[in-house]
Amino acid sequence: MAHHHDHGEISKKNLVIAMILNFVITIGEIIGGILSGSLSLISDALHNFSDGISIIVSYIAIKISKKENNEKMTFGYKRAEILAALFNSVVLVVISLYLFKEAYIKFFKPEPIDGALMIVVATIGLAANKKPPD
């Protein structure tokens, strides 16, 4: 049996919902990570933050790239998507470097982690990240 998936344009409403959800998860996991002392929660929070930023930057780049070419931009604005990808990559590299630094510090100066709080916050974050069925 064949089925059809709509691969059309994603609605603004869905993008806004995804962005807001990513930032809410980010805030909750940063607070939970700081209170519990869990670098893994902070790491996931920064991952969700980068997802939210990527959504915004990608949406703007797609809108810009659809602009028609003109006398000044004879090839159009297609490179906006490439620049957005570069920006998103740089954000991920910066986050990775920060996490490596924090992990290095925690490796040599370990601190106790509130496991119960970490598990509660991580479970909520996991549930919020769950993709709804098609």
N, C-alpha and C. Protein backbone atom coordinates (compact mmCIF):
# COMPACT_ATOMS: atom_id res chain seq x y z
N MET A 1 0.83 -1.17 0.00
CA MET A 1 0.00 0.00 0.00
C MET A 1 0.88 1.24 0.00
N ALA A 2 0.56 2.11 -0.87
CA ALA A 2 1.32 3.35 -0.96
C ALA A 2 0.75 4.38 0.01
N HIS A 3 1.62 5.20 0.49
CA HIS A 3 1.18 6.32 1.31
C HIS A 3 1.93 7.56 0.87
N HIS A 4 1.40 8.69 1.22
CA HIS A 4 1.95 9.95 0.73
C HIS A 4 2.42 10.79 1.90
N HIS A 5 3.61 11.32 1.76
CA HIS A 5 4.14 12.29 2.73
C HIS A 5 4.22 13.63 2.03
N ASP A 6 3.73 14.65 2.67
CA ASP A 6 3.81 15.99 2.10
C ASP A 6 5.17 16.58 2.41
N HIS A 7 5.94 16.79 1.37
CA HIS A 7 7.27 17.38 1.54
C HIS A 7 7.26 18.84 1.12
N GLY A 8 6.11 19.47 1.24
CA GLY A 8 5.97 20.88 0.88
C GLY A 8 6.62 21.76 1.92
N GLU A 9 6.37 23.03 1.79
CA GLU A 9 6.96 24.00 2.70
C GLU A 9 6.41 23.82 4.11
N ILE A 10 7.29 23.92 5.08
CA ILE A 10 6.89 23.84 6.48
C ILE A 10 6.23 25.15 6.86
N SER A 11 5.13 25.05 7.59
CA SER A 11 4.41 26.27 7.95
C SER A 11 5.17 27.09 8.99
N LYS A 12 4.92 28.40 8.96
CA LYS A 12 5.52 29.29 9.95
C LYS A 12 5.10 28.88 11.35
N LYS A 13 3.84 28.47 11.48
CA LYS A 13 3.31 28.07 12.79
C LYS A 13 4.13 26.92 13.36
N ASN A 14 4.41 25.90 12.55
CA ASN A 14 5.19 24.75 13.02
C ASN A 14 6.62 25.16 13.40
N LEU A 15 7.20 26.06 12.62
CA LEU A 15 8.55 26.53 12.93
C LEU A 15 8.57 27.30 14.24
N VAL A 16 7.58 28.14 14.45
CA VAL A 16 7.51 28.92 15.69
C VAL A 16 7.32 27.99 16.88
N ILE A 17 6.46 26.99 16.74
CA ILE A 17 6.23 26.03 17.82
C ILE A 17 7.52 25.27 18.13
N ALA A 18 8.22 24.80 17.10
CA ALA A 18 9.47 24.06 17.30
C ALA A 18 10.52 24.95 17.96
N MET A 19 10.60 26.20 17.53
CA MET A 19 11.58 27.13 18.10
C MET A 19 11.28 27.40 19.57
N ILE A 20 10.02 27.69 19.88
CA ILE A 20 9.64 27.97 21.27
C ILE A 20 9.90 26.75 22.13
N LEU A 21 9.52 25.57 21.65
CA LEU A 21 9.75 24.35 22.41
C LEU A 21 11.23 24.12 22.68
N ASN A 22 12.07 24.36 21.67
CA ASN A 22 13.51 24.21 21.86
C ASN A 22 14.04 25.16 22.92
N PHE A 23 13.57 26.41 22.91
CA PHE A 23 14.06 27.38 23.89
C PHE A 23 13.52 27.10 25.29
N VAL A 24 12.28 26.60 25.40
CA VAL A 24 11.74 26.23 26.72
C VAL A 24 12.53 25.06 27.30
N ILE A 25 12.81 24.06 26.46
CA ILE A 25 13.62 22.92 26.90
C ILE A 25 15.01 23.40 27.32
N THR A 26 15.57 24.31 26.53
CA THR A 26 16.89 24.86 26.84
C THR A 26 16.92 25.49 28.22
N ILE A 27 15.97 26.34 28.50
CA ILE A 27 15.93 27.03 29.80
C ILE A 27 15.77 26.02 30.93
N GLY A 28 14.84 25.08 30.78
CA GLY A 28 14.62 24.08 31.82
C GLY A 28 15.85 23.22 32.07
N GLU A 29 16.52 22.81 30.99
CA GLU A 29 17.69 21.95 31.16
C GLU A 29 18.90 22.72 31.69
N ILE A 30 19.03 23.99 31.35
CA ILE A 30 20.14 24.77 31.92
C ILE A 30 19.92 24.94 33.42
N ILE A 31 18.70 25.29 33.82
CA ILE A 31 18.41 25.42 35.25
C ILE A 31 18.62 24.09 35.95
N GLY A 32 18.08 23.02 35.37
CA GLY A 32 18.25 21.68 35.96
C GLY A 32 19.71 21.26 36.00
N GLY A 33 20.46 21.59 34.94
CA GLY A 33 21.88 21.23 34.89
C GLY A 33 22.70 21.96 35.93
N ILE A 34 22.39 23.24 36.12
CA ILE A 34 23.13 24.03 37.13
C ILE A 34 22.78 23.53 38.53
N LEU A 35 21.48 23.36 38.80
CA LEU A 35 21.06 22.92 40.14
C LEU A 35 21.54 21.51 40.48
N SER A 36 21.56 20.63 39.48
CA SER A 36 21.97 19.25 39.75
C SER A 36 23.47 19.03 39.59
N GLY A 37 24.16 19.98 38.94
CA GLY A 37 25.59 19.83 38.69
C GLY A 37 25.87 18.91 37.51
N SER A 38 24.89 18.74 36.62
CA SER A 38 25.02 17.80 35.51
C SER A 38 25.45 18.50 34.22
N LEU A 39 26.65 18.18 33.76
CA LEU A 39 27.13 18.72 32.49
C LEU A 39 26.35 18.10 31.33
N SER A 40 25.85 16.90 31.48
CA SER A 40 25.09 16.28 30.40
C SER A 40 23.78 17.04 30.14
N LEU A 41 23.14 17.53 31.20
CA LEU A 41 21.93 18.33 31.00
C LEU A 41 22.26 19.66 30.33
N ILE A 42 23.35 20.27 30.75
CA ILE A 42 23.76 21.53 30.13
C ILE A 42 24.13 21.29 28.66
N SER A 43 24.77 20.17 28.39
CA SER A 43 25.12 19.81 27.02
C SER A 43 23.86 19.66 26.16
N ASP A 44 22.86 18.96 26.67
CA ASP A 44 21.63 18.79 25.91
C ASP A 44 20.90 20.12 25.76
N ALA A 45 20.96 20.97 26.79
CA ALA A 45 20.34 22.29 26.71
C ALA A 45 20.98 23.10 25.58
N LEU A 46 22.30 23.07 25.50
CA LEU A 46 22.99 23.82 24.45
C LEU A 46 22.69 23.23 23.07
N HIS A 47 22.52 21.92 23.02
CA HIS A 47 22.12 21.28 21.77
C HIS A 47 20.75 21.79 21.33
N ASN A 48 19.78 21.85 22.26
CA ASN A 48 18.46 22.36 21.94
C ASN A 48 18.51 23.85 21.57
N PHE A 49 19.37 24.60 22.25
CA PHE A 49 19.54 26.02 21.93
C PHE A 49 20.05 26.16 20.49
N SER A 50 21.04 25.35 20.13
CA SER A 50 21.57 25.43 18.76
C SER A 50 20.51 25.03 17.74
N ASP A 51 19.64 24.07 18.10
CA ASP A 51 18.54 23.71 17.20
C ASP A 51 17.60 24.90 16.99
N GLY A 52 17.28 25.59 18.07
CA GLY A 52 16.39 26.74 17.97
C GLY A 52 17.00 27.85 17.12
N ILE A 53 18.27 28.12 17.35
CA ILE A 53 18.97 29.14 16.55
C ILE A 53 19.03 28.71 15.08
N SER A 54 19.28 27.42 14.85
CA SER A 54 19.34 26.91 13.48
C SER A 54 18.01 27.08 12.76
N ILE A 55 16.93 26.87 13.47
CA ILE A 55 15.61 27.04 12.86
C ILE A 55 15.43 28.49 12.41
N ILE A 56 15.77 29.42 13.29
CA ILE A 56 15.62 30.84 12.96
C ILE A 56 16.51 31.22 11.77
N VAL A 57 17.79 30.87 11.87
CA VAL A 57 18.75 31.25 10.82
C VAL A 57 18.39 30.60 9.49
N SER A 58 18.01 29.33 9.52
CA SER A 58 17.65 28.63 8.28
C SER A 58 16.40 29.21 7.65
N TYR A 59 15.42 29.54 8.46
CA TYR A 59 14.19 30.13 7.94
C TYR A 59 14.48 31.45 7.25
N ILE A 60 15.28 32.29 7.90
CA ILE A 60 15.64 33.59 7.31
C ILE A 60 16.42 33.37 6.02
N ALA A 61 17.36 32.43 6.02
CA ALA A 61 18.17 32.17 4.82
C ALA A 61 17.31 31.67 3.67
N ILE A 62 16.34 30.82 3.96
CA ILE A 62 15.45 30.32 2.90
C ILE A 62 14.66 31.47 2.30
N LYS A 63 14.15 32.35 3.17
CA LYS A 63 13.40 33.52 2.67
C LYS A 63 14.29 34.41 1.80
N ILE A 64 15.52 34.66 2.26
CA ILE A 64 16.43 35.51 1.49
C ILE A 64 16.79 34.85 0.16
N SER A 65 17.04 33.54 0.19
CA SER A 65 17.49 32.85 -1.02
C SER A 65 16.44 32.82 -2.12
N LYS A 66 15.19 33.05 -1.76
CA LYS A 66 14.11 33.05 -2.75
C LYS A 66 13.96 34.39 -3.45
N LYS A 67 14.70 35.40 -2.99
CA LYS A 67 14.64 36.71 -3.65
C LYS A 67 15.21 36.59 -5.06
N GLU A 68 14.62 37.32 -5.96
CA GLU A 68 15.05 37.29 -7.36
C GLU A 68 16.40 38.00 -7.51
N ASN A 69 17.13 37.61 -8.55
CA ASN A 69 18.39 38.29 -8.82
C ASN A 69 18.10 39.70 -9.33
N ASN A 70 19.10 40.56 -9.20
CA ASN A 70 18.95 41.94 -9.65
C ASN A 70 20.31 42.41 -10.19
N GLU A 71 20.41 43.69 -10.52
CA GLU A 71 21.66 44.19 -11.09
C GLU A 71 22.84 44.06 -10.13
N LYS A 72 22.57 44.22 -8.85
CA LYS A 72 23.65 44.13 -7.86
C LYS A 72 23.98 42.67 -7.52
N MET A 73 22.97 41.85 -7.43
CA MET A 73 23.13 40.42 -7.09
C MET A 73 22.72 39.60 -8.32
N THR A 74 23.59 39.53 -9.30
CA THR A 74 23.24 38.92 -10.59
C THR A 74 22.96 37.43 -10.50
N PHE A 75 23.52 36.75 -9.51
CA PHE A 75 23.25 35.33 -9.34
C PHE A 75 22.17 35.08 -8.29
N GLY A 76 21.55 36.13 -7.79
CA GLY A 76 20.50 35.99 -6.79
C GLY A 76 21.09 35.88 -5.39
N TYR A 77 20.32 35.28 -4.52
CA TYR A 77 20.67 35.23 -3.10
C TYR A 77 20.81 33.79 -2.59
N LYS A 78 21.10 32.86 -3.47
CA LYS A 78 21.19 31.44 -3.09
C LYS A 78 22.26 31.19 -2.04
N ARG A 79 23.29 32.01 -2.02
CA ARG A 79 24.38 31.78 -1.06
C ARG A 79 23.97 32.05 0.38
N ALA A 80 22.82 32.64 0.58
CA ALA A 80 22.34 32.88 1.95
C ALA A 80 22.21 31.55 2.70
N GLU A 81 21.79 30.50 2.00
CA GLU A 81 21.66 29.19 2.64
C GLU A 81 23.03 28.64 3.05
N ILE A 82 24.03 28.86 2.22
CA ILE A 82 25.39 28.40 2.53
C ILE A 82 25.93 29.15 3.74
N LEU A 83 25.71 30.46 3.78
CA LEU A 83 26.16 31.25 4.92
C LEU A 83 25.43 30.84 6.20
N ALA A 84 24.16 30.50 6.08
CA ALA A 84 23.40 30.03 7.24
C ALA A 84 23.99 28.71 7.76
N ALA A 85 24.34 27.82 6.84
CA ALA A 85 24.94 26.55 7.24
C ALA A 85 26.29 26.78 7.91
N LEU A 86 27.07 27.71 7.39
CA LEU A 86 28.35 28.06 8.00
C LEU A 86 28.14 28.60 9.41
N PHE A 87 27.20 29.52 9.56
CA PHE A 87 26.90 30.09 10.88
C PHE A 87 26.48 29.00 11.86
N ASN A 88 25.58 28.12 11.42
CA ASN A 88 25.12 27.03 12.29
C ASN A 88 26.28 26.11 12.69
N SER A 89 27.18 25.86 11.76
CA SER A 89 28.35 25.02 12.06
C SER A 89 29.26 25.69 13.08
N VAL A 90 29.48 26.98 12.92
CA VAL A 90 30.33 27.72 13.86
C VAL A 90 29.72 27.68 15.26
N VAL A 91 28.40 27.84 15.36
CA VAL A 91 27.73 27.77 16.66
C VAL A 91 27.98 26.41 17.30
N LEU A 92 27.86 25.34 16.52
CA LEU A 92 28.09 23.99 17.07
C LEU A 92 29.54 23.80 17.51
N VAL A 93 30.48 24.34 16.77
CA VAL A 93 31.90 24.22 17.15
C VAL A 93 32.15 24.98 18.45
N VAL A 94 31.61 26.18 18.58
CA VAL A 94 31.79 26.96 19.80
C VAL A 94 31.19 26.23 21.00
N ILE A 95 30.00 25.68 20.84
CA ILE A 95 29.37 24.91 21.91
C ILE A 95 30.23 23.71 22.28
N SER A 96 30.75 23.02 21.28
CA SER A 96 31.61 21.85 21.53
C SER A 96 32.86 22.23 22.30
N LEU A 97 33.49 23.32 21.91
CA LEU A 97 34.70 23.76 22.62
C LEU A 97 34.38 24.10 24.08
N TYR A 98 33.26 24.76 24.33
CA TYR A 98 32.85 25.07 25.69
C TYR A 98 32.63 23.79 26.49
N LEU A 99 31.95 22.82 25.89
CA LEU A 99 31.67 21.57 26.60
C LEU A 99 32.95 20.78 26.88
N PHE A 100 33.90 20.79 25.93
CA PHE A 100 35.18 20.12 26.17
C PHE A 100 35.91 20.77 27.35
N LYS A 101 35.88 22.10 27.39
CA LYS A 101 36.54 22.81 28.49
C LYS A 101 35.90 22.45 29.83
N GLU A 102 34.57 22.46 29.88
CA GLU A 102 33.86 22.13 31.12
C GLU A 102 34.09 20.67 31.52
N ALA A 103 34.11 19.77 30.57
CA ALA A 103 34.36 18.36 30.87
C ALA A 103 35.77 18.17 31.41
N TYR A 104 36.73 18.87 30.84
CA TYR A 104 38.11 18.80 31.30
C TYR A 104 38.20 19.24 32.77
N ILE A 105 37.52 20.36 33.07
CA ILE A 105 37.53 20.87 34.45
C ILE A 105 36.88 19.86 35.39
N LYS A 106 35.73 19.33 35.00
CA LYS A 106 35.02 18.37 35.86
C LYS A 106 35.79 17.05 36.01
N PHE A 107 36.60 16.71 35.01
CA PHE A 107 37.39 15.48 35.09
C PHE A 107 38.40 15.57 36.23
N PHE A 108 39.02 16.74 36.38
CA PHE A 108 40.03 16.91 37.41
C PHE A 108 39.49 17.42 38.73
N LYS A 109 38.30 18.02 38.71
CA LYS A 109 37.64 18.49 39.93
C LYS A 109 36.19 18.02 39.93
N PRO A 110 35.99 16.71 40.09
CA PRO A 110 34.61 16.19 40.04
C PRO A 110 33.76 16.74 41.18
N GLU A 111 32.49 16.95 40.87
CA GLU A 111 31.53 17.41 41.86
C GLU A 111 30.38 16.41 41.91
N PRO A 112 29.75 16.28 43.08
CA PRO A 112 28.61 15.36 43.15
C PRO A 112 27.44 15.87 42.29
N ILE A 113 26.70 14.94 41.74
CA ILE A 113 25.55 15.26 40.89
C ILE A 113 24.29 14.80 41.60
N ASP A 114 23.27 15.65 41.60
CA ASP A 114 21.97 15.27 42.15
C ASP A 114 21.26 14.43 41.09
N GLY A 115 21.46 13.12 41.20
CA GLY A 115 20.95 12.19 40.19
C GLY A 115 19.44 12.21 40.04
N ALA A 116 18.71 12.34 41.14
CA ALA A 116 17.24 12.34 41.06
C ALA A 116 16.75 13.54 40.25
N LEU A 117 17.28 14.72 40.55
CA LEU A 117 16.89 15.92 39.81
C LEU A 117 17.29 15.80 38.35
N MET A 118 18.49 15.31 38.10
CA MET A 118 18.96 15.15 36.73
C MET A 118 18.04 14.23 35.94
N ILE A 119 17.64 13.11 36.52
CA ILE A 119 16.78 12.16 35.81
C ILE A 119 15.41 12.77 35.53
N VAL A 120 14.86 13.50 36.48
CA VAL A 120 13.54 14.14 36.27
C VAL A 120 13.62 15.13 35.12
N VAL A 121 14.62 16.01 35.16
CA VAL A 121 14.76 17.03 34.11
C VAL A 121 15.05 16.37 32.76
N ALA A 122 15.91 15.37 32.75
CA ALA A 122 16.26 14.67 31.50
C ALA A 122 15.03 13.97 30.92
N THR A 123 14.21 13.39 31.77
CA THR A 123 13.01 12.70 31.30
C THR A 123 12.02 13.68 30.68
N ILE A 124 11.86 14.83 31.31
CA ILE A 124 10.98 15.86 30.76
C ILE A 124 11.53 16.34 29.41
N GLY A 125 12.84 16.57 29.35
CA GLY A 125 13.47 16.98 28.09
C GLY A 125 13.32 15.93 27.01
N LEU A 126 13.46 14.67 27.38
CA LEU A 126 13.30 13.58 26.43
C LEU A 126 11.87 13.52 25.90
N ALA A 127 10.91 13.67 26.78
CA ALA A 127 9.50 13.65 26.37
C ALA A 127 9.19 14.82 25.46
N ALA A 128 9.73 15.98 25.75
CA ALA A 128 9.48 17.17 24.93
C ALA A 128 10.16 17.05 23.57
N ASN A 129 11.26 16.31 23.49
CA ASN A 129 11.98 16.14 22.23
C ASN A 129 11.40 15.04 21.36
N LYS A 130 10.50 14.24 21.90
CA LYS A 130 9.95 13.11 21.16
C LYS A 130 9.19 13.60 19.94
N LYS A 131 9.52 13.01 18.81
CA LYS A 131 8.86 13.38 17.56
C LYS A 131 7.48 12.74 17.51
N PRO A 132 6.44 13.53 17.22
CA PRO A 132 5.11 12.94 17.13
C PRO A 132 5.02 12.02 15.92
N PRO A 133 4.15 11.01 15.98
CA PRO A 133 4.04 10.09 14.84
C PRO A 133 3.52 10.80 13.60
N ASP A 134 3.90 10.28 12.43
CA ASP A 134 3.43 10.87 11.16
C ASP A 134 1.95 10.69 10.96
